[in-house]
């Protein structure tokens, strides 16, 4: 696994714009090299802010949206179209504004979807979809995502892997159902750390003073069960994208002076 790298921006708006530019470049490079790209999206204010910044960027047209696979790191197990669902928010922020291939938008099942209220079956179905998309060279039950993005919660949770709960301890399955999440709604679907670690690059997004303690804990050597963000690492690169407020509790030795 890769050693975390930090990039600290002046504020959350600049962080979103810079991360959007970085993501567009990464997707274009992957498509040039391989013909297609694969990205895992995250929700929350930072994930949605990044997607909105992509939508507003003129360079977004450099992406061939028809050759991009989009996955999600987690989802709230709510009815289709619910405004709290990550996929609903992603459509509003970006996906309805670009020419994505609907067949390559891999949303997690809703609570009124084909599996009804069976969140375990919905999680197993997403794991099967990931496994079907994996290639032999991926050496995993999920694709080697080009970029997997995660928001970092104030409690250090990533995706819907919360400190000390069973999901963060999972070592075999790639997707789990989450029961009793401390943040509503209690029922969720989430990638596990083994699935996250299959990505080439993992980007962790944190902005705001309420994320400062979480960043400090996760980057100070905490264990992944107590601080799930500490266990989120990419094969080739692990990138923490922070604003100055979220980085305020970190020793300056951890990161160079902000360049933007």
Protein backbone atom coordinates (compact mmCIF):
# COMPACT_ATOMS: atom_id res chain seq x y z
CA UNK A 1 0.00 0.00 0.00
CA UNK A 2 1.07 3.56 -0.66
CA UNK A 3 2.17 6.16 1.88
CA UNK A 4 -0.35 9.00 2.28
CA UNK A 5 0.45 12.27 0.51
CA UNK A 6 -1.18 15.53 1.60
CA UNK A 7 -2.31 18.49 -0.47
CA UNK A 8 -3.69 21.42 1.53
CA UNK A 9 -5.70 24.20 -0.12
CA UNK A 10 -6.69 27.58 1.27
CA UNK A 11 -10.42 26.86 1.46
CA UNK A 12 -13.02 24.27 0.49
CA UNK A 13 -13.99 26.02 -2.76
CA UNK A 14 -10.43 26.02 -4.01
CA UNK A 15 -10.01 22.44 -2.84
CA UNK A 16 -13.06 21.37 -4.87
CA UNK A 17 -11.85 23.16 -7.99
CA UNK A 18 -8.32 21.77 -7.75
CA UNK A 19 -9.59 18.25 -7.04
CA UNK A 20 -11.95 18.50 -10.02
CA UNK A 21 -9.07 19.48 -12.31
CA UNK A 22 -7.00 16.63 -10.90
CA UNK A 23 -9.84 14.14 -11.48
CA UNK A 24 -10.46 15.27 -15.05
CA UNK A 25 -6.76 14.86 -15.84
CA UNK A 26 -6.65 11.41 -14.25
CA UNK A 27 -9.68 10.20 -16.21
CA UNK A 28 -8.38 11.58 -19.51
CA UNK A 29 -4.99 9.96 -18.95
CA UNK A 30 -6.59 6.59 -18.13
CA UNK A 31 -8.79 6.74 -21.21
CA UNK A 32 -5.81 7.62 -23.38
CA UNK A 33 -3.84 4.69 -22.00
CA UNK A 34 -6.52 2.06 -21.81
CA UNK A 35 -9.59 3.29 -23.68
CA UNK A 36 -11.77 3.58 -20.59
CA UNK A 37 -11.63 4.69 -16.98
CA UNK A 38 -13.21 3.60 -13.71
CA UNK A 39 -14.00 5.94 -10.81
CA UNK A 40 -15.67 5.42 -7.45
CA UNK A 41 -17.71 8.42 -6.31
CA UNK A 42 -18.42 9.62 -2.80
CA UNK A 43 -21.27 11.69 -1.42
CA UNK A 44 -21.36 14.31 1.31
CA UNK A 45 -20.64 17.99 0.98
CA UNK A 46 -17.07 17.53 -0.22
CA UNK A 47 -17.83 14.77 -2.71
CA UNK A 48 -20.78 16.66 -4.16
CA UNK A 49 -18.80 19.90 -4.18
CA UNK A 50 -16.13 18.19 -6.27
CA UNK A 51 -18.72 16.86 -8.72
CA UNK A 52 -20.28 20.31 -9.07
CA UNK A 53 -16.80 21.72 -9.76
CA UNK A 54 -16.29 19.12 -12.49
CA UNK A 55 -19.63 20.12 -14.02
CA UNK A 56 -18.55 23.78 -14.04
CA UNK A 57 -15.10 23.12 -15.51
CA UNK A 58 -14.69 23.72 -19.27
CA UNK A 59 -12.14 20.89 -19.29
CA UNK A 60 -14.87 18.38 -18.47
CA UNK A 61 -15.44 18.05 -22.23
CA UNK A 62 -12.00 16.43 -22.53
CA UNK A 63 -13.52 13.34 -20.89
CA UNK A 64 -15.23 10.77 -23.08
CA UNK A 65 -18.15 10.27 -20.71
CA UNK A 66 -19.39 7.27 -22.67
CA UNK A 67 -16.22 5.37 -21.75
CA UNK A 68 -16.32 6.00 -18.01
CA UNK A 69 -17.53 3.49 -15.43
CA UNK A 70 -18.90 5.07 -12.27
CA UNK A 71 -19.27 3.18 -9.00
CA UNK A 72 -20.09 4.23 -5.45
CA UNK A 73 -18.23 3.66 -2.19
CA UNK A 74 -21.44 3.51 -0.20
CA UNK A 75 -25.11 4.30 -0.35
CA UNK A 76 -27.98 5.04 1.98
CA UNK A 77 -30.55 2.24 1.72
CA UNK A 78 -33.48 4.47 0.87
CA UNK A 79 -36.08 4.54 -1.93
CA UNK A 80 -35.04 5.37 -5.49
CA UNK A 81 -34.84 9.11 -6.03
CA UNK A 82 -34.62 9.94 -2.33
CA UNK A 83 -32.70 13.23 -2.03
CA UNK A 84 -30.43 11.70 0.62
CA UNK A 85 -29.15 8.98 -1.70
CA UNK A 86 -25.63 9.56 -3.02
CA UNK A 87 -26.63 8.66 -6.56
CA UNK A 88 -29.48 11.18 -6.49
CA UNK A 89 -27.10 13.92 -5.39
CA UNK A 90 -24.50 12.90 -7.97
CA UNK A 91 -27.06 13.09 -10.76
CA UNK A 92 -28.05 16.59 -9.68
CA UNK A 93 -24.45 17.80 -9.28
CA UNK A 94 -22.97 16.29 -12.45
CA UNK A 95 -24.36 13.19 -14.13
CA UNK A 96 -27.48 14.81 -15.59
CA UNK A 97 -25.22 17.42 -17.22
CA UNK A 98 -22.94 15.05 -19.15
CA UNK A 99 -23.40 12.23 -21.65
CA UNK A 100 -22.78 9.23 -19.41
CA UNK A 101 -23.68 5.74 -20.58
CA UNK A 102 -26.50 4.62 -18.25
CA UNK A 103 -25.21 1.06 -18.42
CA UNK A 104 -21.90 2.22 -16.94
CA UNK A 105 -23.45 4.07 -14.00
CA UNK A 106 -23.35 1.37 -11.33
CA UNK A 107 -25.67 2.58 -8.58
CA UNK A 108 -26.28 0.51 -5.47
CA UNK A 109 -29.81 -0.84 -5.10
CA UNK A 110 -32.53 1.23 -3.48
CA UNK A 111 -34.82 -0.01 -0.73
CA UNK A 112 -37.69 -0.19 -3.21
CA UNK A 113 -35.54 -1.83 -5.87
CA UNK A 114 -35.29 -5.46 -7.03
CA UNK A 115 -34.27 -6.70 -3.58
CA UNK A 116 -36.95 -4.81 -1.69
CA UNK A 117 -36.06 -4.23 1.93
CA UNK A 118 -33.38 -6.97 1.95
CA UNK A 119 -30.24 -4.89 2.41
CA UNK A 120 -28.07 -8.01 2.66
CA UNK A 121 -29.23 -9.19 -0.77
CA UNK A 122 -28.65 -5.72 -2.21
CA UNK A 123 -25.08 -5.70 -0.87
CA UNK A 124 -24.40 -9.18 -2.24
CA UNK A 125 -25.71 -8.11 -5.65
CA UNK A 126 -23.34 -5.15 -5.77
CA UNK A 127 -20.44 -7.42 -4.85
CA UNK A 128 -21.42 -9.71 -7.72
CA UNK A 129 -21.59 -6.76 -10.14
CA UNK A 130 -18.12 -5.66 -9.09
CA UNK A 131 -16.75 -9.18 -9.48
CA UNK A 132 -18.23 -9.44 -12.97
CA UNK A 133 -16.47 -6.22 -13.96
CA UNK A 134 -13.08 -7.31 -12.62
CA UNK A 135 -10.47 -8.45 -15.13
CA UNK A 136 -7.89 -11.21 -14.59
CA UNK A 137 -5.14 -8.60 -14.35
CA UNK A 138 -6.97 -6.89 -11.49
CA UNK A 139 -6.12 -9.80 -9.18
CA UNK A 140 -9.16 -8.97 -7.04
CA UNK A 141 -12.91 -9.40 -6.86
CA UNK A 142 -13.33 -5.77 -7.89
CA UNK A 143 -11.88 -3.68 -10.73
CA UNK A 144 -8.62 -1.81 -10.14
CA UNK A 145 -10.40 1.53 -10.03
CA UNK A 146 -8.38 4.41 -11.44
CA UNK A 147 -9.59 6.70 -8.65
CA UNK A 148 -11.65 5.89 -5.57
CA UNK A 149 -12.83 8.95 -3.65
CA UNK A 150 -13.88 9.00 -0.01
CA UNK A 151 -15.19 11.70 2.25
CA UNK A 152 -13.80 11.60 5.78
CA UNK A 153 -16.34 11.95 8.56
CA UNK A 154 -15.71 13.79 11.84
CA UNK A 155 -15.53 10.36 13.53
CA UNK A 156 -12.97 9.17 10.91
CA UNK A 157 -15.52 7.02 9.05
CA UNK A 158 -15.11 6.52 5.30
CA UNK A 159 -17.80 5.17 2.97
CA UNK A 160 -20.15 3.62 5.56
CA UNK A 161 -17.37 2.00 7.55
CA UNK A 162 -17.74 3.38 11.07
CA UNK A 163 -15.27 3.00 13.94
CA UNK A 164 -15.54 -0.33 15.77
CA UNK A 165 -18.57 -1.55 13.78
CA UNK A 166 -18.46 -4.94 11.99
CA UNK A 167 -18.02 -3.49 8.49
CA UNK A 168 -14.60 -2.06 9.19
CA UNK A 169 -13.42 -5.45 10.44
CA UNK A 170 -14.44 -7.28 7.24
CA UNK A 171 -11.49 -8.94 5.51
CA UNK A 172 -13.14 -11.20 2.92
CA UNK A 173 -16.25 -9.60 1.41
CA UNK A 174 -15.98 -6.58 -0.89
CA UNK A 175 -19.41 -5.15 -0.05
CA UNK A 176 -21.36 -5.31 3.20
CA UNK A 177 -24.75 -4.30 4.51
CA UNK A 178 -24.47 -1.85 7.39
CA UNK A 179 -26.99 -2.06 10.22
CA UNK A 180 -27.30 0.51 12.98
CA UNK A 181 -25.08 3.18 11.45
CA UNK A 182 -24.55 5.94 14.03
CA UNK A 183 -25.32 8.51 11.32
CA UNK A 184 -28.83 8.28 9.81
CA UNK A 185 -30.15 6.42 8.01
CA UNK A 186 -29.15 3.29 9.95
CA UNK A 187 -29.32 0.97 6.93
CA UNK A 188 -26.57 1.38 4.33
CA UNK A 189 -24.46 -0.50 1.79
CA UNK A 190 -20.70 -0.03 1.76
CA UNK A 191 -17.52 -1.16 0.09
CA UNK A 192 -15.10 -2.72 2.55
CA UNK A 193 -11.45 -1.89 3.10
CA UNK A 194 -10.30 -4.81 0.88
CA UNK A 195 -12.35 -3.38 -2.00
CA UNK A 196 -11.09 0.15 -1.34
CA UNK A 197 -7.48 -1.03 -1.31
CA UNK A 198 -7.89 -2.55 -4.79
CA UNK A 199 -8.00 0.96 -6.28
CA UNK A 200 -4.93 2.38 -7.96
CA UNK A 201 -5.48 5.73 -6.29
CA UNK A 202 -7.52 6.51 -3.17
CA UNK A 203 -8.37 10.17 -2.54
CA UNK A 204 -9.64 11.22 0.88
CA UNK A 205 -11.50 14.53 0.99
CA UNK A 206 -11.83 16.63 4.13
CA UNK A 207 -12.77 20.28 4.52
CA UNK A 208 -13.84 22.29 7.53
CA UNK A 209 -12.81 22.56 11.16
CA UNK A 210 -15.10 19.66 12.09
CA UNK A 211 -12.77 17.35 10.12
CA UNK A 212 -9.52 18.53 11.73
CA UNK A 213 -9.51 16.01 14.58
CA UNK A 214 -10.39 13.15 12.24
CA UNK A 215 -7.51 14.00 9.92
CA UNK A 216 -5.12 14.23 12.85
CA UNK A 217 -6.20 10.85 14.25
CA UNK A 218 -6.16 9.03 10.91
CA UNK A 219 -2.74 10.38 9.93
CA UNK A 220 -1.10 9.84 13.31
CA UNK A 221 -0.82 6.07 13.15
CA UNK A 222 -4.24 5.08 14.51
CA UNK A 223 -5.56 1.61 13.76
CA UNK A 224 -8.18 1.16 11.06
CA UNK A 225 -10.77 -0.38 13.38
CA UNK A 226 -10.70 2.73 15.57
CA UNK A 227 -10.15 5.11 12.64
CA UNK A 228 -11.37 3.62 9.33
CA UNK A 229 -9.83 6.48 7.30
CA UNK A 230 -6.41 5.23 8.40
CA UNK A 231 -7.02 1.98 6.52
CA UNK A 232 -8.09 3.58 3.24
CA UNK A 233 -5.06 3.30 0.97
CA UNK A 234 -4.52 2.92 -2.75
CA UNK A 235 -2.16 0.51 -4.48
CA UNK A 236 -0.20 3.25 -6.24
CA UNK A 237 -1.24 6.41 -4.42
CA UNK A 238 -3.09 7.60 -1.33
CA UNK A 239 -3.93 11.28 -1.51
CA UNK A 240 -5.44 13.39 1.25
CA UNK A 241 -7.05 16.52 -0.20
CA UNK A 242 -7.68 19.02 2.59
CA UNK A 243 -8.53 22.63 3.14
CA UNK A 244 -6.58 24.67 5.67
CA UNK A 245 -9.26 24.24 8.35
CA UNK A 246 -9.24 20.44 8.10
CA UNK A 247 -5.43 20.44 8.20
CA UNK A 248 -5.24 22.83 11.16
CA UNK A 249 -4.46 20.13 13.75
CA UNK A 250 -1.74 18.45 11.70
CA UNK A 251 1.97 19.07 12.25
CA UNK A 252 3.26 21.24 9.42
CA UNK A 253 6.04 18.72 8.88
CA UNK A 254 3.42 16.41 7.35
CA UNK A 255 2.75 18.64 4.39
CA UNK A 256 4.50 21.36 2.38
CA UNK A 257 3.20 24.93 2.29
CA UNK A 258 -0.03 25.17 0.32
CA UNK A 259 0.55 25.97 -3.31
CA UNK A 260 -2.96 27.17 -4.01
